[in-house]
Amino acid sequence: MFGEGQAIGGRSMKSMTGQLLVATPALKDPNFDRTVVLLVAHEPGGALGVVLNRATEVPVSEVLGAWGGLARDPAVLFEGGPVQPESAICLARMRTPNQRVKGIHQVTGTVGTVDLSVDPERLRDAVTGIRVFAGYSGWSPGQVEEEIARGSWFVIDALPGDAFVERPDDLWAMVLRRQGGIMAAVAHFPPDVQLN
């Protein structure tokens, strides 16, 4: 990882790891329509995130056995993004901020990525829950910054519970509404403006 002000490609860039990318109505890619993406890595080599609000109907326990016991409601797999949908990325919410737990790599505050090769029972006392994502969202160097500059994404600070909400379908509007002002108004933007 790199810190604030590190030069990348001749420009200064602050890491957005741990922040949310919230799709604006201008984003026309159906893979990201009304999505909320948590950036789990943002480095000189690009960015990687998971879509937080696209639940499937497949139970975590059906695919990952014992990990299902740690999954938060809804305890199903989520579509993390269009890249490598056969791979899995797991997020955990730790009980204590900045807690060091073997098998968890901190992303921000109490949220970290989980090494799914560890025994889930070893993590039971350290986490309040997990969420598993099939696939991920990825950007090449400079790509996410270009998309933000074009108006495709709002960059918003994540709250610890954003990745673990019980009603993921409501997350897009919920995150926008809590910003207030014009962003709160965007939360009421109709999915299809032609129907308005």
C-alpha atoms as a PDB file:
ATOM      1  CA  MET A   1       0.000   0.000   0.000  1.00  0.00           C
ATOM      2  CA  PHE A   2       1.039   3.586  -0.356  1.00  0.00           C
ATOM      3  CA  GLY A   3       0.240   6.686   1.613  1.00  0.00           C
ATOM      4  CA  GLU A   4      -1.271  10.028   0.802  1.00  0.00           C
ATOM      5  CA  GLY A   5       0.738  12.065  -1.655  1.00  0.00           C
ATOM      6  CA  GLN A   6       2.762   9.263  -3.197  1.00  0.00           C
ATOM      7  CA  ALA A   7       3.470   9.916  -6.872  1.00  0.00           C
ATOM      8  CA  ILE A   8       1.896   7.557  -9.350  1.00  0.00           C
ATOM      9  CA  GLY A   9       2.528   8.063 -13.039  1.00  0.00           C
ATOM     10  CA  GLY A  10       3.774  11.582 -12.339  1.00  0.00           C
ATOM     11  CA  ARG A  11       0.623  12.477 -10.371  1.00  0.00           C
ATOM     12  CA  SER A  12       0.012  12.509  -6.650  1.00  0.00           C
ATOM     13  CA  MET A  13      -2.661  10.045  -5.562  1.00  0.00           C
ATOM     14  CA  LYS A  14      -4.241   9.186  -2.235  1.00  0.00           C
ATOM     15  CA  SER A  15      -5.236   5.577  -1.675  1.00  0.00           C
ATOM     16  CA  MET A  16      -8.993   5.037  -1.700  1.00  0.00           C
ATOM     17  CA  THR A  17      -8.708   1.617  -0.017  1.00  0.00           C
ATOM     18  CA  GLY A  18     -11.648   1.217   2.356  1.00  0.00           C
ATOM     19  CA  GLN A  19     -13.830   3.783   0.605  1.00  0.00           C
ATOM     20  CA  LEU A  20     -17.070   3.242  -1.282  1.00  0.00           C
ATOM     21  CA  LEU A  21     -17.594   3.804  -4.971  1.00  0.00           C
ATOM     22  CA  VAL A  22     -21.275   4.582  -5.422  1.00  0.00           C
ATOM     23  CA  ALA A  23     -22.521   4.394  -9.003  1.00  0.00           C
ATOM     24  CA  THR A  24     -23.982   7.649 -10.298  1.00  0.00           C
ATOM     25  CA  PRO A  25     -26.986   7.632 -12.645  1.00  0.00           C
ATOM     26  CA  ALA A  26     -24.493   8.553 -15.421  1.00  0.00           C
ATOM     27  CA  LEU A  27     -22.835   5.111 -15.177  1.00  0.00           C
ATOM     28  CA  LYS A  28     -24.383   3.061 -17.971  1.00  0.00           C
ATOM     29  CA  ASP A  29     -22.490  -0.251 -17.494  1.00  0.00           C
ATOM     30  CA  PRO A  30     -25.172  -2.816 -16.468  1.00  0.00           C
ATOM     31  CA  ASN A  31     -22.551  -4.613 -14.329  1.00  0.00           C
ATOM     32  CA  PHE A  32     -22.523  -1.579 -12.046  1.00  0.00           C
ATOM     33  CA  ASP A  33     -26.002  -0.031 -12.315  1.00  0.00           C
ATOM     34  CA  ARG A  34     -26.909   1.319  -8.827  1.00  0.00           C
ATOM     35  CA  THR A  35     -24.055  -0.527  -7.181  1.00  0.00           C
ATOM     36  CA  VAL A  36     -22.044   0.240  -4.080  1.00  0.00           C
ATOM     37  CA  VAL A  37     -18.466  -1.065  -4.308  1.00  0.00           C
ATOM     38  CA  LEU A  38     -16.097  -1.314  -1.353  1.00  0.00           C
ATOM     39  CA  LEU A  39     -12.512  -0.813  -2.516  1.00  0.00           C
ATOM     40  CA  VAL A  40     -10.433  -3.462  -0.743  1.00  0.00           C
ATOM     41  CA  ALA A  41      -7.239  -2.394  -2.546  1.00  0.00           C
ATOM     42  CA  HIS A  42      -6.199   0.753  -4.426  1.00  0.00           C
ATOM     43  CA  GLU A  43      -2.545   0.746  -5.391  1.00  0.00           C
ATOM     44  CA  PRO A  44      -0.291   1.885  -8.258  1.00  0.00           C
ATOM     45  CA  GLY A  45      -1.149  -1.393 -10.050  1.00  0.00           C
ATOM     46  CA  GLY A  46      -4.882  -0.631 -10.038  1.00  0.00           C
ATOM     47  CA  ALA A  47      -7.904  -1.088  -7.822  1.00  0.00           C
ATOM     48  CA  LEU A  48      -9.951  -4.043  -6.603  1.00  0.00           C
ATOM     49  CA  GLY A  49     -13.346  -3.979  -4.932  1.00  0.00           C
ATOM     50  CA  VAL A  50     -16.498  -5.956  -4.268  1.00  0.00           C
ATOM     51  CA  VAL A  51     -20.107  -4.990  -5.030  1.00  0.00           C
ATOM     52  CA  LEU A  52     -21.918  -4.883  -1.674  1.00  0.00           C
ATOM     53  CA  ASN A  53     -25.517  -4.827  -2.857  1.00  0.00           C
ATOM     54  CA  ARG A  54     -25.990  -7.778  -5.221  1.00  0.00           C
ATOM     55  CA  ALA A  55     -27.090 -10.787  -3.168  1.00  0.00           C
ATOM     56  CA  THR A  56     -27.667 -14.145  -4.863  1.00  0.00           C
ATOM     57  CA  GLU A  57     -29.944 -16.891  -3.570  1.00  0.00           C
ATOM     58  CA  VAL A  58     -27.070 -19.353  -3.013  1.00  0.00           C
ATOM     59  CA  PRO A  59     -26.420 -20.000   0.711  1.00  0.00           C
ATOM     60  CA  VAL A  60     -22.788 -19.599   1.818  1.00  0.00           C
ATOM     61  CA  SER A  61     -23.028 -22.965   3.622  1.00  0.00           C
ATOM     62  CA  GLU A  62     -23.925 -24.660   0.317  1.00  0.00           C
ATOM     63  CA  VAL A  63     -20.632 -23.555  -1.243  1.00  0.00           C
ATOM     64  CA  LEU A  64     -18.244 -23.102   1.689  1.00  0.00           C
ATOM     65  CA  GLY A  65     -19.641 -25.438   4.360  1.00  0.00           C
ATOM     66  CA  ALA A  66     -18.640 -24.317   7.859  1.00  0.00           C
ATOM     67  CA  TRP A  67     -18.118 -20.701   6.762  1.00  0.00           C
ATOM     68  CA  GLY A  68     -21.907 -20.449   6.495  1.00  0.00           C
ATOM     69  CA  GLY A  69     -22.120 -20.376  10.294  1.00  0.00           C
ATOM     70  CA  LEU A  70     -20.271 -17.036  10.359  1.00  0.00           C
ATOM     71  CA  ALA A  71     -22.208 -15.419   7.494  1.00  0.00           C
ATOM     72  CA  ARG A  72     -24.415 -12.436   8.352  1.00  0.00           C
ATOM     73  CA  ASP A  73     -28.025 -12.248   7.145  1.00  0.00           C
ATOM     74  CA  PRO A  74     -28.641 -12.625   4.336  1.00  0.00           C
ATOM     75  CA  ALA A  75     -26.228 -15.584   4.618  1.00  0.00           C
ATOM     76  CA  VAL A  76     -25.878 -15.963   0.845  1.00  0.00           C
ATOM     77  CA  LEU A  77     -23.144 -15.401  -1.718  1.00  0.00           C
ATOM     78  CA  PHE A  78     -22.953 -11.948  -3.255  1.00  0.00           C
ATOM     79  CA  GLU A  79     -21.954 -11.045  -6.823  1.00  0.00           C
ATOM     80  CA  GLY A  80     -18.710  -9.190  -6.126  1.00  0.00           C
ATOM     81  CA  GLY A  81     -18.245  -8.142  -9.729  1.00  0.00           C
ATOM     82  CA  PRO A  82     -17.699  -9.372 -13.263  1.00  0.00           C
ATOM     83  CA  VAL A  83     -14.043 -10.439 -12.859  1.00  0.00           C
ATOM     84  CA  GLN A  84     -13.345 -14.124 -12.073  1.00  0.00           C
ATOM     85  CA  PRO A  85     -16.856 -15.037 -10.857  1.00  0.00           C
ATOM     86  CA  GLU A  86     -15.575 -18.504  -9.906  1.00  0.00           C
ATOM     87  CA  SER A  87     -13.240 -16.981  -7.277  1.00  0.00           C
ATOM     88  CA  ALA A  88     -14.301 -15.906  -3.785  1.00  0.00           C
ATOM     89  CA  ILE A  89     -13.401 -12.890  -1.674  1.00  0.00           C
ATOM     90  CA  CYS A  90     -14.543 -12.900   1.930  1.00  0.00           C
ATOM     91  CA  LEU A  91     -14.974  -9.846   4.147  1.00  0.00           C
ATOM     92  CA  ALA A  92     -15.167 -10.025   7.939  1.00  0.00           C
ATOM     93  CA  ARG A  93     -16.265  -7.502  10.508  1.00  0.00           C
ATOM     94  CA  MET A  94     -13.954  -7.766  13.497  1.00  0.00           C
ATOM     95  CA  ARG A  95     -15.213  -7.119  17.007  1.00  0.00           C
ATOM     96  CA  THR A  96     -12.509  -4.519  17.729  1.00  0.00           C
ATOM     97  CA  PRO A  97     -11.060  -1.839  15.398  1.00  0.00           C
ATOM     98  CA  ASN A  98      -7.465  -2.419  14.281  1.00  0.00           C
ATOM     99  CA  GLN A  99      -7.536  -5.868  15.861  1.00  0.00           C
ATOM    100  CA  ARG A 100      -4.778  -8.179  14.610  1.00  0.00           C
ATOM    101  CA  VAL A 101      -6.270 -11.543  13.709  1.00  0.00           C
ATOM    102  CA  LYS A 102      -4.331 -14.274  11.936  1.00  0.00           C
ATOM    103  CA  GLY A 103      -6.120 -14.968   8.643  1.00  0.00           C
ATOM    104  CA  ILE A 104      -7.648 -11.462   8.330  1.00  0.00           C
ATOM    105  CA  HIS A 105      -6.039  -8.570   6.458  1.00  0.00           C
ATOM    106  CA  GLN A 106      -7.459  -5.235   7.617  1.00  0.00           C
ATOM    107  CA  VAL A 107      -9.019  -3.072   4.902  1.00  0.00           C
ATOM    108  CA  THR A 108     -10.344  -0.304   7.146  1.00  0.00           C
ATOM    109  CA  GLY A 109     -11.379  -0.028  10.797  1.00  0.00           C
ATOM    110  CA  THR A 110     -13.150  -3.256  11.747  1.00  0.00           C
ATOM    111  CA  VAL A 111     -13.419  -4.589   8.168  1.00  0.00           C
ATOM    112  CA  GLY A 112     -10.889  -6.953   6.620  1.00  0.00           C
ATOM    113  CA  THR A 113     -10.476  -9.628   3.970  1.00  0.00           C
ATOM    114  CA  VAL A 114     -10.362 -13.244   5.132  1.00  0.00           C
ATOM    115  CA  ASP A 115      -8.079 -16.086   4.106  1.00  0.00           C
ATOM    116  CA  LEU A 116     -10.654 -18.810   3.391  1.00  0.00           C
ATOM    117  CA  SER A 117      -8.014 -21.521   3.845  1.00  0.00           C
ATOM    118  CA  VAL A 118      -8.036 -21.028   7.644  1.00  0.00           C
ATOM    119  CA  ASP A 119     -10.421 -22.898   9.935  1.00  0.00           C
ATOM    120  CA  PRO A 120     -13.530 -20.704  10.370  1.00  0.00           C
ATOM    121  CA  GLU A 121     -13.812 -21.812  14.009  1.00  0.00           C
ATOM    122  CA  ARG A 122     -10.529 -19.996  14.734  1.00  0.00           C
ATOM    123  CA  LEU A 123     -12.190 -16.725  13.754  1.00  0.00           C
ATOM    124  CA  ARG A 124     -15.526 -17.188  15.554  1.00  0.00           C
ATOM    125  CA  ASP A 125     -14.580 -15.161  18.652  1.00  0.00           C
ATOM    126  CA  ALA A 126     -12.799 -12.415  16.683  1.00  0.00           C
ATOM    127  CA  VAL A 127     -15.538 -11.528  14.157  1.00  0.00           C
ATOM    128  CA  THR A 128     -19.174 -10.490  14.296  1.00  0.00           C
ATOM    129  CA  GLY A 129     -19.827 -11.868  10.829  1.00  0.00           C
ATOM    130  CA  ILE A 130     -18.585 -12.466   7.302  1.00  0.00           C
ATOM    131  CA  ARG A 131     -19.834 -11.868   3.790  1.00  0.00           C
ATOM    132  CA  VAL A 132     -18.632 -13.884   0.772  1.00  0.00           C
ATOM    133  CA  PHE A 133     -18.419 -12.462  -2.753  1.00  0.00           C
ATOM    134  CA  ALA A 134     -18.191 -14.489  -5.967  1.00  0.00           C
ATOM    135  CA  GLY A 135     -15.947 -12.530  -8.291  1.00  0.00           C
ATOM    136  CA  TYR A 136     -14.739  -8.992  -7.902  1.00  0.00           C
ATOM    137  CA  SER A 137     -14.528  -5.616  -9.601  1.00  0.00           C
ATOM    138  CA  GLY A 138     -11.130  -4.624 -10.945  1.00  0.00           C
ATOM    139  CA  TRP A 139      -9.579  -1.572 -12.557  1.00  0.00           C
ATOM    140  CA  SER A 140      -6.230  -1.170 -14.314  1.00  0.00           C
ATOM    141  CA  PRO A 141      -3.833   1.631 -13.255  1.00  0.00           C
ATOM    142  CA  GLY A 142      -5.575   5.002 -13.520  1.00  0.00           C
ATOM    143  CA  GLN A 143      -8.876   3.517 -14.752  1.00  0.00           C
ATOM    144  CA  VAL A 144     -10.947   4.090 -11.613  1.00  0.00           C
ATOM    145  CA  GLU A 145      -9.620   7.658 -11.344  1.00  0.00           C
ATOM    146  CA  GLU A 146     -10.696   8.304 -14.957  1.00  0.00           C
ATOM    147  CA  GLU A 147     -14.172   6.882 -14.275  1.00  0.00           C
ATOM    148  CA  ILE A 148     -14.515   9.123 -11.205  1.00  0.00           C
ATOM    149  CA  ALA A 149     -13.399  12.169 -13.223  1.00  0.00           C
ATOM    150  CA  ARG A 150     -16.042  11.316 -15.898  1.00  0.00           C
ATOM    151  CA  GLY A 151     -18.760  11.340 -13.226  1.00  0.00           C
ATOM    152  CA  SER A 152     -19.416   7.588 -13.094  1.00  0.00           C
ATOM    153  CA  TRP A 153     -18.771   7.205  -9.350  1.00  0.00           C
ATOM    154  CA  PHE A 154     -19.218   9.124  -6.127  1.00  0.00           C
ATOM    155  CA  VAL A 155     -16.387   8.404  -3.662  1.00  0.00           C
ATOM    156  CA  ILE A 156     -17.822   8.162  -0.149  1.00  0.00           C
ATOM    157  CA  ASP A 157     -16.401   7.167   3.216  1.00  0.00           C
ATOM    158  CA  ALA A 158     -17.607   3.709   4.225  1.00  0.00           C
ATOM    159  CA  LEU A 159     -19.232   2.972   7.561  1.00  0.00           C
ATOM    160  CA  PRO A 160     -18.237  -0.305   9.279  1.00  0.00           C
ATOM    161  CA  GLY A 161     -21.688  -1.823   8.741  1.00  0.00           C
ATOM    162  CA  ASP A 162     -22.038  -0.990   5.035  1.00  0.00           C
ATOM    163  CA  ALA A 163     -20.602  -4.330   3.902  1.00  0.00           C
ATOM    164  CA  PHE A 164     -22.922  -6.246   6.248  1.00  0.00           C
ATOM    165  CA  VAL A 165     -26.360  -4.641   5.925  1.00  0.00           C
ATOM    166  CA  GLU A 166     -29.351  -6.963   6.212  1.00  0.00           C
ATOM    167  CA  ARG A 167     -31.147  -5.307   3.296  1.00  0.00           C
ATOM    168  CA  PRO A 168     -28.452  -4.966   0.609  1.00  0.00           C
ATOM    169  CA  ASP A 169     -30.967  -3.868  -2.042  1.00  0.00           C
ATOM    170  CA  ASP A 170     -31.481  -0.650  -0.047  1.00  0.00           C
ATOM    171  CA  LEU A 171     -27.755   0.163   0.330  1.00  0.00           C
ATOM    172  CA  TRP A 172     -27.375   2.404  -2.766  1.00  0.00           C
ATOM    173  CA  ALA A 173     -30.153   4.788  -1.705  1.00  0.00           C
ATOM    174  CA  MET A 174     -29.202   4.548   1.988  1.00  0.00           C
ATOM    175  CA  VAL A 175     -25.575   5.603   1.386  1.00  0.00           C
ATOM    176  CA  LEU A 176     -26.632   8.499  -0.848  1.00  0.00           C
ATOM    177  CA  ARG A 177     -29.342   9.720   1.552  1.00  0.00           C
ATOM    178  CA  ARG A 178     -26.949   9.917   4.489  1.00  0.00           C
ATOM    179  CA  GLN A 179     -24.702  12.320   2.495  1.00  0.00           C
ATOM    180  CA  GLY A 180     -27.394  14.993   2.491  1.00  0.00           C
ATOM    181  CA  GLY A 181     -27.739  17.762  -0.076  1.00  0.00           C
ATOM    182  CA  ILE A 182     -27.658  16.941  -3.788  1.00  0.00           C
ATOM    183  CA  MET A 183     -26.418  13.381  -3.181  1.00  0.00           C
ATOM    184  CA  ALA A 184     -29.484  12.664  -1.055  1.00  0.00           C
ATOM    185  CA  ALA A 185     -31.619  13.853  -3.970  1.00  0.00           C
ATOM    186  CA  VAL A 186     -29.817  11.411  -6.310  1.00  0.00           C
ATOM    187  CA  ALA A 187     -31.124   8.569  -4.111  1.00  0.00           C
ATOM    188  CA  HIS A 188     -34.596   9.307  -5.548  1.00  0.00           C
ATOM    189  CA  PHE A 189     -33.413   9.212  -9.168  1.00  0.00           C
ATOM    190  CA  PRO A 190     -35.678   6.749 -11.027  1.00  0.00           C
ATOM    191  CA  PRO A 191     -34.043   3.578 -12.376  1.00  0.00           C
ATOM    192  CA  ASP A 192     -35.415   4.361 -15.849  1.00  0.00           C
ATOM    193  CA  VAL A 193     -35.810   8.084 -16.525  1.00  0.00           C
ATOM    194  CA  GLN A 194     -37.979   7.342 -19.571  1.00  0.00           C
ATOM    195  CA  LEU A 195     -40.666   6.041 -17.203  1.00  0.00           C
ATOM    196  CA  ASN A 196     -40.670   9.284 -15.251  1.00  0.00           C
END
